[in-house]
Amino acid sequence: MTVRVLCVDDQAGRAGYEQQRLRAPLGGLLAPQGWLHLELSSGQIDARGTARNDMAHALSVIGLSEETAPAWNLVLMDVHFASGPLSPAGIPAGAPGDERFGLAVARRARELSPDLPVVLLSSLRHAELGAVEFPYVSKEALDAHGMRRVLLQHGRLTPAQRREVLAPGVGCVVAAPGTLDVYRDAFLNANTRLPILILGASGTGKELLARYVHRESGRVGRFVAVNVSAVPRELLEAELFGIEKRTATGVAGRRGLFAEAHEGTIFLDEIGDLAPEVQAKLLRVLQDSRVTPVGGRTAESLDLRLITATSRDIPSMVRAGAFRTDLYYRINTLTLELPPLAQRREELPELIRLFAGRAQAQTGKTGIEISDPAIAELTKGEFPGNIRELEGLVRRLVSEAGHHQVIGADVVRSLLGRGRLRTRTAPREHASASARPATAGGDGTGLGAVLAVMERAHALPEDPLLAGFKPQLEKAVRALLRDAASAALQRCRDPVSDKLNRQRAMQLLTGDGELKGRGPPRIINEILARPLNAKVTEEDLERVVEEWQDRKARGRNGNTEDP
């Protein structure tokens, strides 16, 4: 998507060496290889070897008139226009009143087209120009990075053009307005040393954003990524800051990851899981820009960029005393928050195709294509697990497909029917959940809580004002019932083999942790024994509820045997 920039400069519009001086630093951005079309114009009238400043002509060069609007994404306007007889090199000698001609053109252009993005060019300081209503850039700053910065800050760009300017890189899909805004802020602050805190739900691409910041920062060192929650607590300090040899018996000394990131960037993911004692040492490292290994006495100077990320509510942790206030203010000088995938629907088709290509490379499959109707069906998903969940689902689609197969919408609907658009529980959460007996409504997925809501709905007084409300409530509760059953079944699948733990599923479906042994209720067992792609209907769920109520009634009467 071409970005069109007009530069109105008396010298660059005439002299070849001035044109080269502007174009050379832009390198690969320029068309036809790149996305930038840069047009240069003197904005002056030539008459018998004399350059003459003329307001009407300068405005016509921009494309401005009382009837038309300009088509430029950005106009760069030189301030000083030298007029008069041309020298052999083609440069005017200069005449009184030339010094602010470009500024006068810019102000008139603003009157005719208030939305026209105009940026002044000058070797003077902005304060000396006295033109506070316009942004300003020097010609020396218009290299490739500087041009991208000016366009992102002041250009009038479509989403596709913003993405071209941002250049997020291969495998990084940035298309939705919210994501584009985040990456724009990341680019504009990439070449500073400000610590960045990236917020966002799990699976939204926080590490991808951190890598983008490092790439655009121009730092020569490595990008070092550390998942704080994945390193054992007792080893984390040595992992981050290093450890001296023979600090303890059998310990071989090694450099820490902070030292490895010298002159580069260190990315600490899940910073909210950092232990209090490590928080204190991290604060000291950030304050002093020096790190001392565990058991060491000599500090090593550091030059690095710190980027942290978390899906937790750090301010709440600060208020609860679980996270140091001083460290929080140190790491969140700049905060970037990635929106969830539900707010990035524009990115789904491209993400699906990207993940399908990756999955084929990983599985050795060839010729697999996900049809447009299948993609449209996939975009209906909620994806609470965000990009990570979507990638897992697409990988499964590809792994189950044959070579040279077009995956249709029916295959996707089959996965939807099996509840595959629900997030898998992480292994440690899965284990803790299976070890905890389900109680009626205790874990949010049992039918006991749903039944209690239904009972309260039926207990509503027969008030005419509520007559139209009860059917809507019952419909909503039945939808909740279906979701509860789907979530329960999904939680009871082994994350590796995908096999169903029937006893656990039965307990979650009924909300009764006591239902176990050799004789589970026959209706529930019948439903669980069906093929995985068979849907659980409302009638099935009503039978489950009835069976659950009968079981409870038998328990209250002292009869616990299964029929």
Protein backbone atom coordinates (compact mmCIF):
# COMPACT_ATOMS: atom_id res chain seq x y z
CA MET A 1 0.00 0.00 0.00
CA THR A 2 1.82 3.09 -1.30
CA VAL A 3 2.26 6.08 1.01
CA ARG A 4 2.45 9.38 -0.91
CA VAL A 5 4.60 12.19 0.54
CA LEU A 6 5.14 15.59 -1.10
CA CYS A 7 8.24 17.60 -0.19
CA VAL A 8 8.05 21.27 -1.24
CA ASP A 9 11.61 22.60 -1.06
CA ASP A 10 13.07 25.22 -3.38
CA GLN A 11 16.55 23.67 -3.48
CA ALA A 12 15.53 19.99 -3.47
CA GLY A 13 13.04 20.75 -6.22
CA ARG A 14 15.81 22.16 -8.46
CA ALA A 15 19.24 20.75 -7.59
CA GLY A 16 20.02 17.08 -8.21
CA TYR A 17 22.50 16.86 -5.34
CA GLU A 18 19.84 18.18 -2.91
CA GLN A 19 17.38 15.57 -4.15
CA GLN A 20 19.94 12.83 -3.58
CA ARG A 21 20.65 14.25 -0.14
CA LEU A 22 16.98 13.71 0.79
CA ARG A 23 16.43 10.39 -0.98
CA ALA A 24 19.62 8.51 -0.10
CA PRO A 25 18.92 8.06 3.65
CA LEU A 26 15.47 6.64 2.91
CA GLY A 27 17.00 3.56 1.30
CA GLY A 28 14.62 0.66 0.75
CA LEU A 29 11.52 2.63 1.71
CA LEU A 30 11.33 4.29 -1.71
CA ALA A 31 9.19 2.87 -4.52
CA PRO A 32 9.27 0.77 -6.62
CA GLN A 33 10.90 -1.65 -4.16
CA GLY A 34 9.41 0.03 -1.08
CA TRP A 35 6.09 1.52 -0.08
CA LEU A 36 7.08 5.24 -0.08
CA HIS A 37 6.43 7.49 -3.08
CA LEU A 38 8.34 10.74 -2.43
CA GLU A 39 7.68 13.61 -4.83
CA LEU A 40 9.89 16.71 -4.75
CA SER A 41 8.83 20.16 -5.99
CA SER A 42 10.35 23.63 -5.79
CA GLY A 43 6.89 25.20 -5.45
CA GLN A 44 8.12 28.17 -7.49
CA ILE A 45 7.54 29.68 -10.92
CA ASP A 46 10.49 29.85 -13.35
CA ALA A 47 10.58 32.94 -15.57
CA ARG A 48 13.62 33.70 -17.80
CA GLY A 49 16.19 32.17 -15.44
CA THR A 50 14.54 33.63 -12.35
CA ALA A 51 12.76 31.76 -9.54
CA ARG A 52 9.71 33.58 -8.24
CA ASN A 53 7.75 32.71 -5.11
CA ASP A 54 4.05 32.57 -5.90
CA MET A 55 1.36 31.54 -3.37
CA ALA A 56 -1.18 30.33 -5.93
CA HIS A 57 1.39 28.16 -7.71
CA ALA A 58 2.67 26.65 -4.44
CA LEU A 59 -0.90 25.75 -3.44
CA SER A 60 -1.55 24.21 -6.86
CA VAL A 61 1.54 22.02 -6.44
CA ILE A 62 0.04 20.68 -3.22
CA GLY A 63 -3.26 20.21 -5.05
CA LEU A 64 -5.19 22.74 -3.03
CA SER A 65 -7.94 24.93 -4.31
CA GLU A 66 -11.33 26.06 -3.11
CA GLU A 67 -12.91 22.96 -4.74
CA THR A 68 -10.40 20.12 -4.35
CA ALA A 69 -8.64 18.39 -1.48
CA PRO A 70 -5.05 17.09 -1.67
CA ALA A 71 -4.34 13.38 -2.03
CA TRP A 72 -1.07 13.38 -0.06
CA ASN A 73 -0.59 11.34 3.09
CA LEU A 74 1.87 13.99 4.28
CA VAL A 75 3.26 17.31 3.04
CA LEU A 76 6.78 18.37 4.07
CA MET A 77 7.12 22.14 3.67
CA ASP A 78 10.46 23.92 3.67
CA VAL A 79 10.29 27.27 5.46
CA HIS A 80 12.98 29.27 3.65
CA PHE A 81 12.42 29.79 -0.12
CA ALA A 82 15.21 31.70 -1.91
CA SER A 83 13.96 33.59 -5.00
CA GLY A 84 15.64 35.72 -7.66
CA PRO A 85 18.11 34.98 -10.51
CA LEU A 86 19.36 31.41 -10.73
CA SER A 87 23.05 30.58 -10.29
CA PRO A 88 24.81 28.15 -12.68
CA ALA A 89 23.94 25.42 -10.19
CA GLY A 90 20.26 26.35 -10.48
CA ILE A 91 19.94 27.87 -7.00
CA PRO A 92 18.25 31.30 -6.61
CA ALA A 93 20.33 34.07 -5.09
CA GLY A 94 17.72 35.03 -2.51
CA ALA A 95 15.67 38.15 -1.99
CA PRO A 96 14.10 39.98 0.98
CA GLY A 97 10.97 38.32 2.32
CA ASP A 98 11.99 34.80 1.33
CA GLU A 99 12.72 33.62 4.87
CA ARG A 100 9.12 32.73 5.83
CA PHE A 101 7.46 32.05 2.47
CA GLY A 102 7.03 28.32 3.21
CA LEU A 103 5.39 29.12 6.53
CA ALA A 104 2.96 31.46 4.78
CA VAL A 105 2.07 28.67 2.31
CA ALA A 106 1.56 26.21 5.15
CA ARG A 107 -0.80 28.56 6.96
CA ARG A 108 -2.83 29.23 3.82
CA ALA A 109 -2.97 25.48 3.12
CA ARG A 110 -4.26 24.89 6.64
CA GLU A 111 -7.04 27.43 6.04
CA LEU A 112 -8.12 25.72 2.81
CA SER A 113 -7.80 22.15 4.16
CA PRO A 114 -7.73 21.95 7.98
CA ASP A 115 -7.12 18.19 7.87
CA LEU A 116 -4.07 18.42 5.61
CA PRO A 117 -1.03 17.01 7.49
CA VAL A 118 1.78 19.56 7.07
CA VAL A 119 5.19 19.26 8.72
CA LEU A 120 7.72 22.10 8.44
CA LEU A 121 11.30 21.52 7.29
CA SER A 122 14.01 23.87 8.51
CA SER A 123 17.55 23.99 9.83
CA LEU A 124 16.37 26.48 12.45
CA ARG A 125 15.19 25.46 15.87
CA HIS A 126 11.45 25.16 16.23
CA ALA A 127 11.34 28.01 18.76
CA GLU A 128 13.05 30.31 16.24
CA LEU A 129 10.39 29.61 13.62
CA GLY A 130 7.58 30.99 15.77
CA ALA A 131 5.20 28.45 14.17
CA VAL A 132 3.94 26.52 17.15
CA GLU A 133 0.80 25.41 15.29
CA PHE A 134 2.86 23.13 13.01
CA PRO A 135 5.07 20.15 13.82
CA TYR A 136 8.68 20.47 12.73
CA VAL A 137 11.52 18.21 11.61
CA SER A 138 15.01 18.95 10.39
CA LYS A 139 16.24 17.55 7.07
CA GLU A 140 19.05 15.76 8.89
CA ALA A 141 16.45 13.69 10.81
CA LEU A 142 14.71 12.43 7.66
CA ASP A 143 16.40 9.05 7.43
CA ALA A 144 14.34 5.85 7.12
CA HIS A 145 13.52 5.75 10.83
CA GLY A 146 12.81 9.48 10.96
CA MET A 147 10.43 9.35 7.97
CA ARG A 148 8.51 6.47 9.54
CA ARG A 149 8.30 8.39 12.81
CA VAL A 150 6.99 11.55 11.11
CA LEU A 151 4.39 9.56 9.18
CA LEU A 152 3.18 7.72 12.27
CA GLN A 153 3.00 10.90 14.32
CA HIS A 154 1.54 13.29 11.77
CA GLY A 155 0.59 11.46 8.56
CA ARG A 156 -2.95 10.79 7.39
CA LEU A 157 -2.79 7.01 6.91
CA THR A 158 -5.21 4.17 6.30
CA PRO A 159 -4.86 1.07 8.56
CA ALA A 160 -3.08 -0.77 5.72
CA GLN A 161 -0.65 2.13 5.28
CA ARG A 162 0.00 2.32 9.02
CA ARG A 163 0.88 -1.35 8.96
CA GLU A 164 3.33 -0.80 6.08
CA VAL A 165 5.02 2.02 7.97
CA LEU A 166 5.19 0.01 11.19
CA ALA A 167 6.69 -3.02 9.38
CA PRO A 168 5.82 -5.48 12.17
CA GLY A 169 7.73 -8.29 10.46
CA VAL A 170 7.02 -11.79 9.20
CA GLY A 171 4.70 -13.76 11.47
CA CYS A 172 3.48 -10.69 13.35
CA VAL A 173 -0.11 -9.84 12.36
CA VAL A 174 -1.05 -6.23 13.11
CA ALA A 175 -4.26 -5.02 11.47
CA ALA A 176 -6.91 -4.10 14.06
CA PRO A 177 -7.07 -0.43 15.16
CA GLY A 178 -6.26 -1.29 18.79
CA THR A 179 -3.20 -3.35 17.86
CA LEU A 180 -2.01 -0.71 15.40
CA ASP A 181 -2.19 1.92 18.15
CA VAL A 182 -0.14 -0.24 20.52
CA TYR A 183 2.55 -0.95 17.91
CA ARG A 184 2.64 2.74 16.95
CA ASP A 185 3.37 3.69 20.57
CA ALA A 186 5.96 0.91 20.73
CA PHE A 187 7.74 2.20 17.61
CA LEU A 188 7.76 5.82 18.76
CA ASN A 189 9.41 4.81 22.04
CA ALA A 190 11.60 1.98 20.75
CA ASN A 191 14.88 3.90 20.56
CA THR A 192 14.63 5.29 24.08
CA ARG A 193 15.80 3.58 27.27
CA LEU A 194 12.42 3.83 28.99
CA PRO A 195 11.35 0.61 30.74
CA ILE A 196 8.17 -0.79 29.19
CA LEU A 197 5.42 -2.77 30.92
CA ILE A 198 3.27 -4.79 28.51
CA LEU A 199 -0.18 -5.73 29.76
CA GLY A 200 -2.63 -8.16 28.21
CA ALA A 201 -4.36 -11.47 28.72
CA SER A 202 -2.44 -14.69 28.22
CA GLY A 203 -1.86 -15.46 24.56
CA THR A 204 -2.21 -11.92 23.16
CA GLY A 205 1.36 -11.74 21.80
CA LYS A 206 3.26 -9.85 24.50
CA GLU A 207 6.63 -11.40 23.64
CA LEU A 208 6.14 -10.62 19.93
CA LEU A 209 5.61 -6.97 20.87
CA ALA A 210 8.72 -6.99 23.06
CA ARG A 211 10.79 -8.43 20.21
CA TYR A 212 9.43 -5.71 17.91
CA VAL A 213 10.55 -2.99 20.35
CA HIS A 214 14.03 -4.54 20.51
CA ARG A 215 14.27 -4.77 16.72
CA GLU A 216 13.29 -1.12 16.24
CA SER A 217 15.49 0.11 19.09
CA GLY A 218 18.71 -0.33 17.14
CA ARG A 219 20.41 -1.91 20.15
CA VAL A 220 23.33 -4.13 19.16
CA GLY A 221 23.03 -6.68 21.98
CA ARG A 222 20.85 -9.75 22.31
CA PHE A 223 17.16 -10.06 23.07
CA VAL A 224 16.91 -12.27 26.16
CA ALA A 225 13.47 -13.57 27.14
CA VAL A 226 12.74 -15.05 30.57
CA ASN A 227 9.43 -16.50 31.75
CA VAL A 228 9.64 -15.75 35.45
CA SER A 229 6.88 -18.21 36.37
CA ALA A 230 8.67 -21.07 34.59
CA VAL A 231 11.91 -20.83 36.64
CA PRO A 232 11.89 -22.48 40.10
CA ARG A 233 11.79 -19.83 42.80
CA GLU A 234 14.98 -21.00 44.47
CA LEU A 235 16.92 -20.80 41.17
CA LEU A 236 15.51 -17.56 39.77
CA GLU A 237 17.95 -15.15 41.43
CA ALA A 238 20.99 -17.07 40.18
CA GLU A 239 19.39 -17.42 36.73
CA LEU A 240 18.82 -13.68 36.40
CA PHE A 241 21.87 -12.23 38.11
CA GLY A 242 24.43 -15.04 37.90
CA ILE A 243 26.25 -16.97 40.60
CA GLU A 244 29.89 -17.10 41.65
CA LYS A 245 31.81 -20.34 41.44
CA ARG A 246 31.88 -22.38 44.69
CA THR A 247 29.16 -20.26 46.29
CA ALA A 248 27.85 -23.63 47.44
CA THR A 249 29.27 -27.14 47.21
CA GLY A 250 29.44 -28.31 43.61
CA VAL A 251 28.25 -25.00 42.14
CA ALA A 252 29.92 -23.95 38.91
CA GLY A 253 29.80 -20.21 38.39
CA ARG A 254 27.89 -18.72 35.45
CA ARG A 255 26.81 -15.34 34.12
CA GLY A 256 23.25 -14.28 34.67
CA LEU A 257 20.74 -13.42 31.98
CA PHE A 258 20.98 -9.70 32.82
CA ALA A 259 24.67 -9.77 31.97
CA GLU A 260 23.90 -11.73 28.77
CA ALA A 261 21.54 -8.92 27.73
CA HIS A 262 24.23 -6.20 28.02
CA GLU A 263 23.74 -3.64 25.21
CA GLY A 264 20.52 -5.42 24.30
CA THR A 265 17.08 -6.04 25.79
CA ILE A 266 15.89 -8.30 28.58
CA PHE A 267 12.24 -9.32 28.61
CA LEU A 268 10.78 -10.57 31.90
CA ASP A 269 7.45 -12.27 31.21
CA GLU A 270 4.94 -12.77 34.04
CA ILE A 271 6.72 -10.22 36.23
CA GLY A 272 3.84 -10.48 38.70
CA ASP A 273 5.15 -13.90 39.78
CA LEU A 274 8.50 -12.49 40.90
CA ALA A 275 9.35 -13.43 44.49
CA PRO A 276 9.70 -10.54 47.00
CA GLU A 277 13.42 -11.10 47.58
CA VAL A 278 14.09 -11.07 43.83
CA GLN A 279 11.97 -7.92 43.47
CA ALA A 280 14.29 -6.14 45.88
CA LYS A 281 17.43 -7.12 43.99
CA LEU A 282 15.86 -6.27 40.63
CA LEU A 283 15.05 -2.79 41.92
CA ARG A 284 18.68 -2.31 42.96
CA VAL A 285 19.93 -3.47 39.54
CA LEU A 286 17.62 -1.03 37.77
CA GLN A 287 18.62 1.87 40.02
CA ASP A 288 22.36 1.30 39.75
CA SER A 289 22.62 -0.21 36.25
CA ARG A 290 24.97 -2.73 37.84
CA VAL A 291 24.52 -6.38 38.76
CA THR A 292 26.29 -8.45 41.40
CA PRO A 293 26.15 -12.27 41.07
CA VAL A 294 24.90 -14.38 43.95
CA GLY A 295 27.84 -14.86 46.29
CA GLY A 296 29.91 -12.27 44.45
CA ARG A 297 31.46 -9.00 45.58
CA THR A 298 32.20 -7.29 42.26
CA ALA A 299 29.40 -5.53 40.39
CA GLU A 300 29.25 -5.50 36.60
CA SER A 301 28.00 -2.42 34.74
CA LEU A 302 25.01 -2.93 32.48
CA ASP A 303 23.56 -1.11 29.50
CA LEU A 304 20.25 -2.74 28.69
CA ARG A 305 16.59 -2.11 27.99
CA LEU A 306 14.09 -3.69 30.38
CA ILE A 307 10.71 -4.84 29.09
CA THR A 308 8.33 -6.63 31.43
CA ALA A 309 4.93 -8.22 30.84
CA THR A 310 2.11 -9.63 32.91
CA SER A 311 -1.47 -10.80 32.65
CA ARG A 312 -2.03 -10.07 36.34
CA ASP A 313 -3.46 -6.96 38.01
CA ILE A 314 -0.24 -5.42 39.32
CA PRO A 315 -1.91 -2.35 40.96
CA SER A 316 -4.08 -4.71 43.04
CA MET A 317 -0.96 -6.66 44.01
CA VAL A 318 0.71 -3.40 45.05
CA ARG A 319 -2.25 -2.50 47.25
CA ALA A 320 -2.19 -5.99 48.77
CA GLY A 321 1.55 -5.74 49.48
CA ALA A 322 2.41 -8.59 47.09
CA PHE A 323 4.40 -6.36 44.72
CA ARG A 324 6.79 -3.56 45.65
CA THR A 325 5.44 -0.07 44.97
CA ASP A 326 8.85 1.36 44.09
CA LEU A 327 9.55 -1.47 41.63
CA TYR A 328 6.14 -1.02 40.01
CA TYR A 329 6.80 2.67 39.35
CA ARG A 330 10.24 1.80 38.04
CA ILE A 331 9.04 -0.75 35.44
CA ASN A 332 5.90 0.99 34.15
CA THR A 333 7.38 4.25 32.88
CA LEU A 334 5.65 3.34 29.62
CA THR A 335 2.69 0.95 29.58
CA LEU A 336 1.45 -0.83 26.46
CA GLU A 337 -1.75 -2.90 26.67
CA LEU A 338 -2.54 -5.46 23.99
CA PRO A 339 -6.26 -5.99 23.35
CA PRO A 340 -7.70 -9.52 23.46
CA LEU A 341 -8.34 -11.38 20.22
CA ALA A 342 -12.08 -10.73 20.58
CA GLN A 343 -11.32 -7.07 19.82
CA ARG A 344 -9.04 -7.91 16.89
CA ARG A 345 -11.43 -9.65 14.49
CA GLU A 346 -9.74 -8.07 11.48
CA GLU A 347 -6.63 -10.14 12.19
CA LEU A 348 -8.31 -13.56 12.37
CA PRO A 349 -8.23 -14.56 8.65
CA GLU A 350 -4.54 -13.72 8.29
CA LEU A 351 -3.68 -15.41 11.59
CA ILE A 352 -5.55 -18.56 10.56
CA ARG A 353 -3.65 -18.78 7.26
CA LEU A 354 -0.35 -18.06 9.01
CA PHE A 355 -0.90 -20.81 11.59
CA ALA A 356 -2.06 -23.23 8.91
CA GLY A 357 1.22 -22.72 7.05
CA ARG A 358 3.22 -23.27 10.22
CA ALA A 359 1.26 -26.41 11.09
CA GLN A 360 1.91 -27.91 7.66
CA ALA A 361 5.64 -27.30 8.05
CA GLN A 362 5.59 -28.88 11.51
CA THR A 363 3.51 -31.94 10.58
CA GLY A 364 4.95 -32.52 7.13
CA LYS A 365 1.53 -32.14 5.55
CA THR A 366 1.31 -30.61 2.07
CA GLY A 367 -1.36 -28.94 0.00
CA ILE A 368 -3.78 -28.25 2.88
CA GLU A 369 -6.00 -25.21 2.47
CA ILE A 370 -8.56 -23.74 4.84
CA SER A 371 -11.50 -22.55 2.75
CA ASP A 372 -13.01 -19.08 3.08
CA PRO A 373 -16.28 -20.50 4.55
CA ALA A 374 -14.20 -22.40 7.12
CA ILE A 375 -12.32 -19.21 8.02
CA ALA A 376 -15.64 -17.39 8.34
CA GLU A 377 -16.85 -20.14 10.67
CA LEU A 378 -13.69 -19.92 12.75
CA THR A 379 -14.04 -16.17 13.18
CA LYS A 380 -17.27 -16.80 15.08
CA GLY A 381 -15.29 -18.31 17.96
CA GLU A 382 -14.76 -16.52 21.24
CA PHE A 383 -11.12 -17.63 21.79
CA PRO A 384 -10.74 -16.76 25.48
CA GLY A 385 -7.21 -18.18 25.16
CA ASN A 386 -6.52 -15.59 22.45
CA ILE A 387 -3.84 -16.16 19.79
CA ARG A 388 -2.38 -19.20 21.54
CA GLU A 389 -5.76 -20.95 21.55
CA LEU A 390 -6.41 -20.08 17.91
CA GLU A 391 -3.02 -21.49 16.89
CA GLY A 392 -3.70 -24.71 18.78
CA LEU A 393 -7.07 -25.10 17.08
CA VAL A 394 -5.65 -24.51 13.58
CA ARG A 395 -2.83 -26.95 14.29
CA ARG A 396 -5.41 -29.57 15.22
CA LEU A 397 -7.39 -28.90 12.03
CA VAL A 398 -4.28 -29.43 9.93
CA SER A 399 -3.11 -32.51 11.83
CA GLU A 400 -6.49 -34.22 11.33
CA ALA A 401 -6.61 -33.35 7.61
CA GLY A 402 -5.19 -35.42 4.79
CA HIS A 403 -2.66 -34.28 2.21
CA HIS A 404 -4.02 -31.87 -0.44
CA GLN A 405 -7.29 -31.40 1.39
CA VAL A 406 -9.46 -28.30 1.49
CA ILE A 407 -10.81 -27.91 5.03
CA GLY A 408 -14.45 -26.91 4.83
CA ALA A 409 -16.85 -25.20 7.19
CA ASP A 410 -18.38 -28.56 8.20
CA VAL A 411 -15.09 -29.66 9.76
CA VAL A 412 -14.89 -26.44 11.76
CA ARG A 413 -18.52 -26.80 12.89
CA SER A 414 -17.70 -30.29 14.08
CA LEU A 415 -14.95 -28.90 16.29
CA LEU A 416 -17.31 -26.20 17.52
CA GLY A 417 -19.79 -28.90 18.42
CA ARG A 418 -17.13 -30.67 20.43
CA GLY A 419 -16.40 -27.55 22.44
CA ARG A 420 -12.97 -27.11 20.85
CA LEU A 421 -13.17 -23.34 21.06
CA ARG A 422 -12.86 -23.51 24.83
CA THR A 423 -9.50 -22.88 26.42
CA ARG A 424 -7.70 -25.94 27.70
CA THR A 425 -6.85 -25.71 31.37
CA ALA A 426 -3.12 -25.46 32.00
CA PRO A 427 -1.62 -28.72 33.33
CA ARG A 428 -1.02 -27.49 36.87
CA GLU A 429 -4.48 -25.93 37.07
CA HIS A 430 -5.95 -29.13 35.63
CA ALA A 431 -4.27 -31.20 38.29
CA SER A 432 -5.42 -28.98 41.12
CA ALA A 433 -8.95 -28.95 39.75
CA SER A 434 -9.14 -32.73 39.50
CA ALA A 435 -7.85 -33.08 43.04
CA ARG A 436 -10.56 -30.77 44.34
CA PRO A 437 -14.02 -32.36 44.68
CA ALA A 438 -16.74 -30.60 42.74
CA THR A 439 -19.59 -29.26 44.78
CA ALA A 440 -22.94 -27.94 43.67
CA GLY A 441 -22.03 -24.57 42.28
CA GLY A 442 -18.68 -24.62 44.07
CA ASP A 443 -16.44 -24.36 41.01
CA GLY A 444 -18.70 -22.43 38.69
CA THR A 445 -19.20 -25.30 36.21
CA GLY A 446 -21.53 -27.60 38.18
CA LEU A 447 -25.22 -27.71 37.34
CA GLY A 448 -26.12 -27.11 40.97
CA ALA A 449 -25.44 -23.38 40.66
CA VAL A 450 -27.41 -23.22 37.43
CA LEU A 451 -30.37 -25.06 38.96
CA ALA A 452 -30.36 -22.66 41.89
CA VAL A 453 -30.68 -19.75 39.47
CA MET A 454 -33.53 -21.52 37.68
CA GLU A 455 -35.33 -22.16 40.95
CA ARG A 456 -35.06 -18.49 41.87
CA ALA A 457 -36.38 -17.57 38.44
CA HIS A 458 -39.44 -19.77 38.92
CA ALA A 459 -39.95 -18.28 42.35
CA LEU A 460 -40.43 -14.80 40.90
CA PRO A 461 -43.83 -13.37 41.84
CA GLU A 462 -46.48 -13.46 39.14
CA ASP A 463 -46.26 -9.74 38.57
CA PRO A 464 -47.51 -8.53 35.16
CA LEU A 465 -44.36 -6.39 34.88
CA LEU A 466 -42.25 -9.58 35.05
CA ALA A 467 -44.36 -11.67 32.69
CA GLY A 468 -42.17 -10.92 29.67
CA PHE A 469 -38.96 -11.21 31.66
CA LYS A 470 -39.13 -14.85 32.84
CA PRO A 471 -38.94 -16.50 29.38
CA GLN A 472 -35.85 -14.46 28.54
CA LEU A 473 -34.25 -15.41 31.84
CA GLU A 474 -35.03 -19.10 31.32
CA LYS A 475 -33.53 -18.95 27.81
CA ALA A 476 -30.37 -17.31 29.16
CA VAL A 477 -30.10 -19.92 31.93
CA ARG A 478 -30.45 -22.78 29.45
CA ALA A 479 -27.64 -21.25 27.38
CA LEU A 480 -25.57 -21.08 30.56
CA LEU A 481 -26.44 -24.73 31.20
CA ARG A 482 -25.08 -25.75 27.82
CA ASP A 483 -21.92 -23.72 28.37
CA ALA A 484 -21.45 -25.31 31.79
CA ALA A 485 -21.70 -28.80 30.30
CA SER A 486 -19.29 -27.96 27.48
CA ALA A 487 -16.75 -26.40 29.85
CA ALA A 488 -17.02 -29.34 32.24
CA LEU A 489 -16.37 -31.91 29.52
CA GLN A 490 -13.43 -29.90 28.18
CA ARG A 491 -11.81 -29.70 31.63
CA CYS A 492 -12.00 -33.45 31.98
CA ARG A 493 -9.93 -34.29 28.92
CA ASP A 494 -6.33 -35.28 29.30
CA PRO A 495 -4.26 -32.42 27.76
CA VAL A 496 -2.00 -34.90 25.95
CA SER A 497 -4.13 -37.93 24.99
CA ASP A 498 -7.43 -36.02 24.82
CA LYS A 499 -9.19 -38.93 26.53
CA LEU A 500 -12.19 -38.20 28.71
CA ASN A 501 -12.14 -38.89 32.45
CA ARG A 502 -15.77 -39.98 32.75
CA GLN A 503 -16.02 -39.94 36.53
CA ARG A 504 -14.62 -36.42 36.71
CA ALA A 505 -16.91 -35.29 33.89
CA MET A 506 -19.92 -36.78 35.66
CA GLN A 507 -19.04 -34.93 38.87
CA LEU A 508 -18.67 -31.62 37.09
CA LEU A 509 -21.82 -32.06 35.02
CA THR A 510 -23.88 -32.68 38.14
CA GLY A 511 -21.90 -30.48 40.51
CA ASP A 512 -21.78 -33.43 42.92
CA GLY A 513 -18.34 -34.65 43.95
CA GLU A 514 -19.86 -37.69 45.72
CA LEU A 515 -21.01 -39.34 42.49
CA LYS A 516 -18.40 -42.02 41.96
CA GLY A 517 -17.82 -45.73 42.14
CA ARG A 518 -19.19 -48.56 40.01
CA GLY A 519 -22.72 -47.30 39.43
CA PRO A 520 -22.87 -43.77 38.04
CA PRO A 521 -26.28 -42.54 36.87
CA ARG A 522 -27.08 -44.32 33.62
CA ILE A 523 -28.24 -41.20 31.74
CA ILE A 524 -24.98 -39.38 32.33
CA ASN A 525 -22.95 -42.45 31.43
CA GLU A 526 -24.94 -42.84 28.23
CA ILE A 527 -24.22 -39.24 27.19
CA LEU A 528 -20.53 -39.53 27.95
CA ALA A 529 -20.26 -42.78 25.97
CA ARG A 530 -21.38 -41.16 22.74
CA PRO A 531 -18.90 -40.19 19.98
CA LEU A 532 -17.01 -36.99 20.61
CA ASN A 533 -18.71 -35.14 17.77
CA ALA A 534 -22.21 -35.88 19.11
CA LYS A 535 -23.91 -32.83 20.56
CA VAL A 536 -25.47 -32.70 24.01
CA THR A 537 -29.03 -31.50 23.45
CA GLU A 538 -31.31 -29.60 25.78
CA GLU A 539 -33.36 -32.78 26.27
CA ASP A 540 -30.22 -34.61 27.35
CA LEU A 541 -29.45 -31.89 29.86
CA GLU A 542 -32.97 -31.98 31.24
CA ARG A 543 -32.59 -35.74 31.76
CA VAL A 544 -29.27 -35.11 33.51
CA VAL A 545 -30.92 -32.56 35.80
CA GLU A 546 -33.78 -34.94 36.60
CA GLU A 547 -31.34 -37.75 37.34
CA TRP A 548 -29.30 -35.45 39.54
CA GLN A 549 -32.39 -34.34 41.46
CA ASP A 550 -33.53 -37.95 41.88
CA ARG A 551 -30.10 -38.90 43.21
CA LYS A 552 -30.23 -36.05 45.70
CA ALA A 553 -33.72 -37.09 46.79
CA ARG A 554 -32.60 -40.68 47.30
CA GLY A 555 -29.67 -39.41 49.36
CA ARG A 556 -31.97 -37.40 51.62
CA ASN A 557 -34.17 -40.49 52.12
CA GLY A 558 -31.20 -42.65 53.04
CA ASN A 559 -31.20 -44.65 49.82
CA THR A 560 -27.84 -44.18 48.04
CA GLU A 561 -27.99 -47.20 45.69
CA ASP A 562 -28.05 -46.53 41.98
CA PRO A 563 -31.10 -47.81 40.09
